[in-house]
Amino acid sequence: MGMGMKYVILIGDGMADYPIPERDNKTALQIAFTPNLDFIATAGICGAVKTIPEGMDAGSDIATLSILGYDPAKYHTGRGPLEAMGMRIPLDEGDIAFRCNLITESEGRIVDYSGGHITNEEARGLIAALNEELQVRVEGTQVELYPGVSYRNVLVLKSEDYAFEREKEVGGAPPHDIIGARIADELPGEEILRNIMLISREILEGHEINVRRAAENKKKANMVWLWSGGRKPSMPAFSDTYAVSGSVISGVYLVKGVGRCVGLGVIDVPGATGYIDTNYAGKAEYALRSLREQDFVLVHVEAPDEAGHLGDINLKVKAIEDFDALVVGKMLRGLEDEFAGADGGYKILVMPDHYTPVSVRTHTKEPVPFAIYDSRARNEQKKAGGFDERSASEGDSDVLDARAQELMRLFFRKS
């Protein structure tokens, strides 16, 4: 059967990093053994691209929208609705979805944004209690809470009655940014949200799950924090924009949600966790299988980002090497075996979404390296270098440092 070109995007979340003085001033990508990434960079084209627009947060939601060619300044309404979409929560017209952290409050301050890294099971119990009580305690409002993973949950305000002053990012500051702050200073301006948050503390403080946690000397998850709320974004379908249909594979709700918002399918891979223990080989296998039916797949691997947040260089190097061997390598071999033939061939784009340097343990906004390999235009005179920040900054692409929207145009260019 005749098949068109196959397009694959592989994202190693947070892979990019700064030179590390104790390691000969090498970055994690330079230290790691990455023969497959290096092949794509040297037999293809590489460059650097800005995925985080000025004035926006360096998060995977913003970066993934950018990479897929959607201007986040125009289309990003908040993390809440994207996570809701990733969790398959039905959002009606006018609904506002919030990220809803279970946090630890003590003596009027935020002491932990994760409620002591509360377990999924305990979180479900607390969310159930909130759902029951808030319906009674918050008048004239329909509130639905949905348990996610651990402290990361979603609250949906079912109503068209709220004309919030802000259209986007409604709610408090991200709780991980305000550890130690006084709750009173940080509560959002919207009365309905303040009410929900303060009442949640009354409901959760004495809940049996928290009483038990306190007895075990663990932090209580005794309040909810609502942040990054917004309505479901309305975006043109990916297939209309680039004339390909396809899917997204990720262990992270946020990235699944971006995929679903732009009309891409979401493939759930057993054991895809978003952590170091993720099922890498399974992600590649499912991705290759999906390409028999469709022409596009994006595979997102969170592990290098987690290692960056932990500030652990050895773990980060290992996560990058696993990504290279088990995702990039497996994809390259599978694509070569199945799709490199005469009718169409394949193109593969590899990149991080943003920097997560181990030295700062958080996301930063520098342009990230990318490389594109086209099976029909193989560069036999392989260039020197490999896939890393420095080679990319000296890259040969005509979209060097351009906005990420340009990257998709380059990737899907038919020539």
Protein backbone atom coordinates (compact mmCIF):
# COMPACT_ATOMS: atom_id res chain seq x y z
CA MET A 1 0.00 0.00 0.00
CA GLY A 2 1.25 3.52 -0.73
CA MET A 3 2.04 5.48 2.36
CA GLY A 4 2.99 9.11 2.75
CA MET A 5 5.79 10.57 4.77
CA LYS A 6 5.86 9.69 8.49
CA TYR A 7 6.61 12.49 10.97
CA VAL A 8 7.93 11.86 14.49
CA ILE A 9 8.71 14.37 17.28
CA LEU A 10 10.66 13.07 20.30
CA ILE A 11 10.82 15.41 23.31
CA GLY A 12 13.25 14.75 26.18
CA ASP A 13 11.75 17.08 28.78
CA GLY A 14 14.29 19.48 30.31
CA MET A 15 17.34 17.75 28.73
CA ALA A 16 19.15 21.02 28.02
CA ASP A 17 21.52 22.24 30.73
CA TYR A 18 24.41 24.57 31.55
CA PRO A 19 28.11 23.61 31.44
CA ILE A 20 29.06 21.98 34.76
CA PRO A 21 32.43 23.16 36.15
CA GLU A 22 33.12 19.88 38.02
CA ARG A 23 32.62 17.97 34.77
CA ASP A 24 35.10 19.74 32.49
CA ASN A 25 32.46 22.36 31.75
CA LYS A 26 30.35 19.80 29.90
CA THR A 27 26.55 19.73 29.92
CA ALA A 28 24.50 16.61 30.67
CA LEU A 29 23.92 16.14 26.91
CA GLN A 30 27.67 16.34 26.25
CA ILE A 31 28.50 13.89 29.05
CA ALA A 32 25.81 11.36 28.10
CA PHE A 33 26.50 8.64 25.52
CA THR A 34 23.87 9.45 22.88
CA PRO A 35 24.76 7.79 19.54
CA ASN A 36 21.20 8.07 18.21
CA LEU A 37 20.68 11.75 19.00
CA ASP A 38 24.16 12.42 17.59
CA PHE A 39 23.30 10.58 14.36
CA ILE A 40 20.18 12.73 13.87
CA ALA A 41 22.15 15.93 14.50
CA THR A 42 25.08 15.04 12.23
CA ALA A 43 23.19 13.35 9.38
CA GLY A 44 20.40 15.94 9.50
CA ILE A 45 20.12 19.63 10.28
CA CYS A 46 20.37 21.18 13.72
CA GLY A 47 19.86 24.55 15.30
CA ALA A 48 18.44 26.30 18.34
CA VAL A 49 14.87 27.48 18.78
CA LYS A 50 13.05 29.62 21.34
CA THR A 51 10.12 27.70 22.83
CA ILE A 52 9.25 30.14 25.64
CA PRO A 53 7.91 33.53 24.46
CA GLU A 54 9.00 36.67 26.32
CA GLY A 55 7.21 37.17 29.60
CA MET A 56 5.80 33.63 29.81
CA ASP A 57 6.65 30.81 32.22
CA ALA A 58 9.13 28.16 31.13
CA GLY A 59 6.67 25.29 31.58
CA SER A 60 6.07 22.20 29.46
CA ASP A 61 2.55 23.41 28.63
CA ILE A 62 3.87 26.66 27.10
CA ALA A 63 6.78 24.88 25.39
CA THR A 64 4.68 22.05 23.93
CA LEU A 65 2.18 24.53 22.46
CA SER A 66 5.11 26.41 20.92
CA ILE A 67 6.71 23.27 19.52
CA LEU A 68 3.43 22.24 17.90
CA GLY A 69 3.25 25.67 16.27
CA TYR A 70 0.58 27.32 18.44
CA ASP A 71 1.41 30.74 19.89
CA PRO A 72 1.00 30.32 23.66
CA ALA A 73 0.40 34.06 24.12
CA LYS A 74 -2.72 33.55 22.03
CA TYR A 75 -3.87 30.06 23.02
CA HIS A 76 -2.70 29.36 26.58
CA THR A 77 -5.53 29.97 29.06
CA GLY A 78 -4.00 28.16 32.05
CA ARG A 79 -2.67 24.82 33.25
CA GLY A 80 -6.00 23.85 34.78
CA PRO A 81 -7.94 23.37 31.54
CA LEU A 82 -5.03 21.55 29.86
CA GLU A 83 -4.74 19.12 32.76
CA ALA A 84 -8.49 18.64 32.79
CA MET A 85 -8.39 17.78 29.09
CA GLY A 86 -5.46 15.41 29.73
CA MET A 87 -7.50 13.67 32.46
CA ARG A 88 -10.51 13.37 30.12
CA ILE A 89 -12.62 15.62 32.36
CA PRO A 90 -15.58 16.92 30.35
CA LEU A 91 -15.47 20.73 30.17
CA ASP A 92 -18.61 22.53 29.06
CA GLU A 93 -18.79 26.02 27.60
CA GLY A 94 -18.09 28.49 30.40
CA ASP A 95 -16.57 25.96 32.83
CA ILE A 96 -13.36 27.13 34.46
CA ALA A 97 -10.81 24.46 35.38
CA PHE A 98 -8.12 25.08 38.01
CA ARG A 99 -5.02 23.25 39.14
CA CYS A 100 -5.97 22.26 42.66
CA ASN A 101 -2.99 21.36 44.87
CA LEU A 102 -3.44 19.71 48.23
CA ILE A 103 -1.05 21.83 50.30
CA THR A 104 0.15 21.97 53.91
CA GLU A 105 -0.81 25.11 55.82
CA SER A 106 0.68 25.80 59.24
CA GLU A 107 0.29 28.91 61.42
CA GLY A 108 -1.09 30.85 58.48
CA ARG A 109 1.73 29.98 56.07
CA ILE A 110 2.21 27.63 53.12
CA VAL A 111 4.80 25.09 54.25
CA ASP A 112 4.47 22.43 51.52
CA TYR A 113 2.99 22.65 48.01
CA SER A 114 2.49 18.84 47.88
CA GLY A 115 0.77 18.08 51.19
CA GLY A 116 3.80 16.03 52.22
CA HIS A 117 3.73 14.21 48.87
CA ILE A 118 0.42 12.69 49.82
CA THR A 119 -0.38 9.25 48.34
CA ASN A 120 -2.93 8.83 45.53
CA GLU A 121 -5.25 6.88 47.83
CA GLU A 122 -5.19 9.47 50.61
CA ALA A 123 -5.70 12.26 48.08
CA ARG A 124 -8.77 10.47 46.69
CA GLY A 125 -10.24 10.25 50.19
CA LEU A 126 -9.71 13.98 50.82
CA ILE A 127 -11.08 14.97 47.39
CA ALA A 128 -14.21 12.86 48.04
CA ALA A 129 -14.76 14.65 51.37
CA LEU A 130 -14.33 18.04 49.70
CA ASN A 131 -16.77 17.16 46.91
CA GLU A 132 -19.42 16.24 49.45
CA GLU A 133 -18.93 19.21 51.80
CA LEU A 134 -18.25 22.02 49.33
CA GLN A 135 -21.58 21.41 47.55
CA VAL A 136 -23.28 22.22 50.86
CA ARG A 137 -20.97 24.97 52.10
CA VAL A 138 -20.45 27.11 48.98
CA GLU A 139 -23.82 28.53 48.06
CA GLY A 140 -25.11 28.92 44.53
CA THR A 141 -22.10 27.27 42.96
CA GLN A 142 -21.47 23.96 41.37
CA VAL A 143 -17.98 22.79 42.19
CA GLU A 144 -16.54 19.47 41.02
CA LEU A 145 -13.15 18.17 42.15
CA TYR A 146 -11.33 15.41 40.28
CA PRO A 147 -8.45 13.42 41.80
CA GLY A 148 -5.30 13.35 39.67
CA VAL A 149 -1.94 12.09 40.89
CA SER A 150 -0.95 12.68 44.53
CA TYR A 151 -1.29 16.40 45.38
CA ARG A 152 -2.07 17.41 41.77
CA ASN A 153 -5.82 17.57 41.31
CA VAL A 154 -8.32 19.57 39.27
CA LEU A 155 -11.28 21.68 40.37
CA VAL A 156 -13.95 22.71 37.88
CA LEU A 157 -16.26 25.64 38.57
CA LYS A 158 -19.43 24.66 36.70
CA SER A 159 -20.87 27.98 35.77
CA GLU A 160 -21.14 30.71 33.22
CA ASP A 161 -21.91 33.23 35.94
CA TYR A 162 -18.33 34.16 36.69
CA ALA A 163 -16.95 37.05 34.74
CA PHE A 164 -13.52 37.03 36.33
CA GLU A 165 -11.47 40.12 35.68
CA ARG A 166 -8.74 37.99 34.18
CA GLU A 167 -9.55 35.74 31.26
CA LYS A 168 -6.46 33.58 31.79
CA GLU A 169 -4.47 32.12 34.68
CA VAL A 170 -7.19 32.86 37.23
CA GLY A 171 -6.36 32.07 40.87
CA GLY A 172 -3.39 32.24 43.23
CA ALA A 173 0.33 32.09 42.45
CA PRO A 174 1.81 28.64 41.75
CA PRO A 175 2.16 27.18 45.26
CA HIS A 176 5.70 25.88 44.66
CA ASP A 177 6.77 29.51 44.09
CA ILE A 178 5.44 30.85 47.40
CA ILE A 179 6.64 28.38 50.05
CA GLY A 180 6.79 30.14 53.44
CA ALA A 181 4.46 32.94 52.36
CA ARG A 182 1.50 34.05 54.47
CA ILE A 183 -1.76 32.60 53.15
CA ALA A 184 -3.55 35.90 53.82
CA ASP A 185 -1.17 37.75 51.48
CA GLU A 186 -1.45 35.20 48.69
CA LEU A 187 -5.15 34.35 48.50
CA PRO A 188 -6.59 35.26 45.09
CA GLY A 189 -8.77 38.34 44.71
CA GLU A 190 -11.84 36.43 43.53
CA GLU A 191 -14.22 35.94 46.47
CA ILE A 192 -15.55 32.58 45.30
CA LEU A 193 -12.01 31.14 45.12
CA ARG A 194 -11.02 32.56 48.52
CA ASN A 195 -14.15 31.00 50.03
CA ILE A 196 -13.44 27.57 48.56
CA MET A 197 -9.82 27.66 49.74
CA LEU A 198 -10.62 28.80 53.30
CA ILE A 199 -13.53 26.38 53.69
CA SER A 200 -11.35 23.55 52.38
CA ARG A 201 -9.04 24.11 55.34
CA GLU A 202 -11.93 23.70 57.79
CA ILE A 203 -12.99 20.47 56.05
CA LEU A 204 -9.51 18.94 55.73
CA GLU A 205 -7.75 19.97 58.95
CA GLY A 206 -9.60 17.47 61.14
CA HIS A 207 -10.23 14.77 58.50
CA GLU A 208 -9.33 11.27 59.70
CA ILE A 209 -6.72 10.90 56.94
CA ASN A 210 -4.91 14.00 58.24
CA VAL A 211 -5.31 12.99 61.88
CA ARG A 212 -3.61 9.71 60.96
CA ARG A 213 -0.86 11.50 59.00
CA ALA A 214 -0.14 13.77 61.97
CA ALA A 215 0.07 10.73 64.26
CA GLU A 216 2.64 9.23 61.87
CA ASN A 217 4.59 12.48 61.97
CA LYS A 218 3.75 13.31 58.34
CA LYS A 219 2.61 16.69 57.06
CA LYS A 220 -1.13 17.21 56.80
CA ALA A 221 -2.67 17.91 53.39
CA ASN A 222 -5.01 20.38 55.05
CA MET A 223 -5.95 22.95 52.39
CA VAL A 224 -6.45 23.29 48.66
CA TRP A 225 -4.68 25.90 46.57
CA LEU A 226 -6.36 26.98 43.33
CA TRP A 227 -4.13 28.35 40.56
CA SER A 228 -3.71 28.67 36.80
CA GLY A 229 -7.41 28.46 36.03
CA GLY A 230 -9.05 29.15 32.72
CA ARG A 231 -11.62 28.06 30.18
CA LYS A 232 -10.95 25.36 27.62
CA PRO A 233 -8.79 26.89 24.87
CA SER A 234 -10.19 26.85 21.40
CA MET A 235 -7.48 26.08 18.85
CA PRO A 236 -7.38 25.14 15.19
CA ALA A 237 -6.91 21.39 14.69
CA PHE A 238 -3.35 20.19 14.11
CA SER A 239 -4.56 18.15 11.13
CA ASP A 240 -6.06 21.25 9.48
CA THR A 241 -2.86 23.21 9.98
CA TYR A 242 -0.32 20.61 8.82
CA ALA A 243 -2.44 18.11 6.85
CA VAL A 244 -1.37 15.13 9.00
CA SER A 245 -3.31 13.23 11.64
CA GLY A 246 -1.69 11.57 14.59
CA SER A 247 -1.27 11.10 18.32
CA VAL A 248 0.58 12.13 21.45
CA ILE A 249 2.26 9.74 23.93
CA SER A 250 3.21 11.08 27.37
CA GLY A 251 3.04 10.14 31.05
CA VAL A 252 2.06 13.72 31.88
CA TYR A 253 -1.53 15.03 31.88
CA LEU A 254 -0.44 18.49 30.77
CA VAL A 255 1.08 17.23 27.52
CA LYS A 256 -1.84 14.85 26.89
CA GLY A 257 -4.15 17.82 27.40
CA VAL A 258 -2.31 19.95 24.83
CA GLY A 259 -2.59 17.05 22.37
CA ARG A 260 -6.30 16.65 22.98
CA CYS A 261 -6.92 20.41 22.63
CA VAL A 262 -5.37 20.45 19.15
CA GLY A 263 -7.34 17.38 18.07
CA LEU A 264 -4.56 14.78 18.28
CA GLY A 265 -5.29 11.33 19.70
CA VAL A 266 -3.83 10.40 23.07
CA ILE A 267 -2.27 6.95 23.42
CA ASP A 268 -1.98 5.68 26.98
CA VAL A 269 1.03 3.40 27.39
CA PRO A 270 0.98 0.97 30.32
CA GLY A 271 3.70 1.99 32.79
CA ALA A 272 4.32 5.46 31.29
CA THR A 273 4.74 7.32 34.57
CA GLY A 274 6.43 10.64 33.93
CA TYR A 275 9.29 9.59 36.20
CA ILE A 276 12.67 7.88 35.95
CA ASP A 277 11.01 4.43 36.04
CA THR A 278 8.92 5.08 32.93
CA ASN A 279 8.25 2.40 30.33
CA TYR A 280 10.52 3.82 27.61
CA ALA A 281 10.47 0.84 25.26
CA GLY A 282 6.67 0.68 25.48
CA LYS A 283 6.40 4.32 24.41
CA ALA A 284 8.49 3.65 21.29
CA GLU A 285 6.59 0.45 20.50
CA TYR A 286 3.18 2.12 20.72
CA ALA A 287 4.46 5.07 18.69
CA LEU A 288 5.69 2.84 15.86
CA ARG A 289 2.43 0.89 15.89
CA SER A 290 0.41 4.11 15.62
CA LEU A 291 2.35 5.14 12.50
CA ARG A 292 0.92 2.19 10.59
CA GLU A 293 -2.46 3.94 10.77
CA GLN A 294 -1.48 7.62 10.96
CA ASP A 295 1.31 9.87 9.77
CA PHE A 296 2.35 11.74 12.91
CA VAL A 297 3.32 10.93 16.50
CA LEU A 298 4.80 12.99 19.34
CA VAL A 299 6.52 11.08 22.16
CA HIS A 300 7.25 13.03 25.35
CA VAL A 301 9.59 11.69 28.08
CA GLU A 302 9.59 13.53 31.41
CA ALA A 303 12.50 11.80 33.19
CA PRO A 304 15.43 14.20 32.42
CA ASP A 305 13.32 17.08 33.78
CA GLU A 306 12.71 15.24 37.06
CA ALA A 307 16.47 14.67 37.46
CA GLY A 308 17.07 18.38 36.76
CA HIS A 309 14.61 19.36 39.51
CA LEU A 310 16.42 16.99 41.89
CA GLY A 311 19.74 18.62 40.96
CA ASP A 312 21.19 15.16 40.26
CA ILE A 313 23.62 15.21 37.34
CA ASN A 314 24.25 11.43 37.35
CA LEU A 315 20.53 10.71 37.25
CA LYS A 316 20.07 13.25 34.48
CA VAL A 317 22.83 11.70 32.36
CA LYS A 318 21.24 8.27 32.90
CA ALA A 319 17.77 9.57 31.94
CA ILE A 320 19.20 11.08 28.72
CA GLU A 321 21.07 7.85 27.88
CA ASP A 322 17.89 5.81 28.46
CA PHE A 323 15.91 8.22 26.26
CA ASP A 324 18.56 7.91 23.54
CA ALA A 325 18.82 4.11 23.62
CA LEU A 326 15.26 3.07 24.39
CA VAL A 327 13.19 5.74 22.63
CA VAL A 328 15.32 7.47 19.97
CA GLY A 329 17.27 4.34 19.00
CA LYS A 330 14.22 2.09 18.94
CA MET A 331 12.27 4.65 16.88
CA LEU A 332 15.10 5.07 14.37
CA ARG A 333 15.44 1.32 13.87
CA GLY A 334 11.68 0.80 13.57
CA LEU A 335 11.25 3.71 11.15
CA GLU A 336 14.17 2.49 9.06
CA ASP A 337 12.77 -1.07 8.94
CA GLU A 338 9.20 -0.15 8.17
CA PHE A 339 9.00 3.26 6.53
CA ALA A 340 12.31 4.09 4.86
CA GLY A 341 11.20 2.48 1.59
CA ALA A 342 10.45 4.24 -1.65
CA ASP A 343 7.02 5.68 -0.88
CA GLY A 344 7.44 8.57 1.49
CA GLY A 345 10.19 7.89 3.99
CA TYR A 346 10.21 9.56 7.39
CA LYS A 347 11.30 12.67 9.24
CA ILE A 348 12.28 12.76 12.89
CA LEU A 349 12.66 15.84 15.12
CA VAL A 350 14.41 15.55 18.50
CA MET A 351 14.59 18.28 21.14
CA PRO A 352 14.04 19.21 24.78
CA ASP A 353 11.06 21.47 25.49
CA HIS A 354 13.07 23.78 27.75
CA TYR A 355 16.19 23.82 29.92
CA THR A 356 16.04 22.31 33.44
CA PRO A 357 19.63 22.87 34.64
CA VAL A 358 20.74 20.76 37.62
CA SER A 359 22.48 23.85 39.05
CA VAL A 360 19.24 25.85 39.37
CA ARG A 361 16.75 22.93 39.69
CA THR A 362 14.05 24.76 37.79
CA HIS A 363 13.08 25.55 34.19
CA THR A 364 14.87 28.34 32.31
CA LYS A 365 14.10 30.13 29.06
CA GLU A 366 17.13 29.84 26.76
CA PRO A 367 16.64 28.67 23.14
CA VAL A 368 16.86 24.85 23.08
CA PRO A 369 18.78 22.61 20.65
CA PHE A 370 16.83 20.70 18.01
CA ALA A 371 17.77 18.36 15.19
CA ILE A 372 15.76 17.07 12.21
CA TYR A 373 16.68 14.00 10.18
CA ASP A 374 14.99 13.31 6.84
CA SER A 375 15.42 9.74 5.58
CA ARG A 376 15.23 10.95 1.96
CA ALA A 377 17.85 13.67 2.34
CA ARG A 378 20.52 11.93 4.32
CA ASN A 379 23.61 14.01 4.85
CA GLU A 380 26.37 11.51 3.91
CA GLN A 381 29.09 14.04 4.72
CA LYS A 382 28.30 13.79 8.40
CA LYS A 383 29.12 16.96 10.27
CA ALA A 384 31.36 17.10 13.31
CA GLY A 385 29.76 17.43 16.71
CA GLY A 386 26.65 15.79 18.10
CA PHE A 387 23.36 16.66 19.71
CA ASP A 388 24.08 19.24 22.39
CA GLU A 389 23.64 22.90 23.27
CA ARG A 390 26.91 24.07 21.74
CA SER A 391 26.61 22.25 18.42
CA ALA A 392 23.06 23.57 18.09
CA SER A 393 24.11 27.16 18.68
CA GLU A 394 26.63 26.77 15.85
CA GLY A 395 23.99 24.89 13.83
CA ASP A 396 23.26 25.08 10.16
CA SER A 397 19.56 25.64 10.15
CA ASP A 398 17.89 28.67 8.64
CA VAL A 399 15.59 28.98 11.66
CA LEU A 400 18.34 29.51 14.19
CA ASP A 401 16.86 31.19 17.27
CA ALA A 402 13.54 31.76 15.51
CA ARG A 403 10.28 31.31 17.37
CA ALA A 404 9.14 27.73 17.63
CA GLN A 405 6.24 28.31 15.25
CA GLU A 406 8.79 28.42 12.45
CA LEU A 407 10.07 25.01 13.47
CA MET A 408 6.88 23.17 12.45
CA ARG A 409 6.89 24.91 9.09
CA LEU A 410 10.46 23.68 8.56
CA PHE A 411 9.57 20.19 9.80
CA PHE A 412 6.52 19.76 7.57
CA ARG A 413 8.06 21.45 4.54
CA LYS A 414 7.57 19.13 1.60
CA SER A 415 10.87 19.86 -0.14
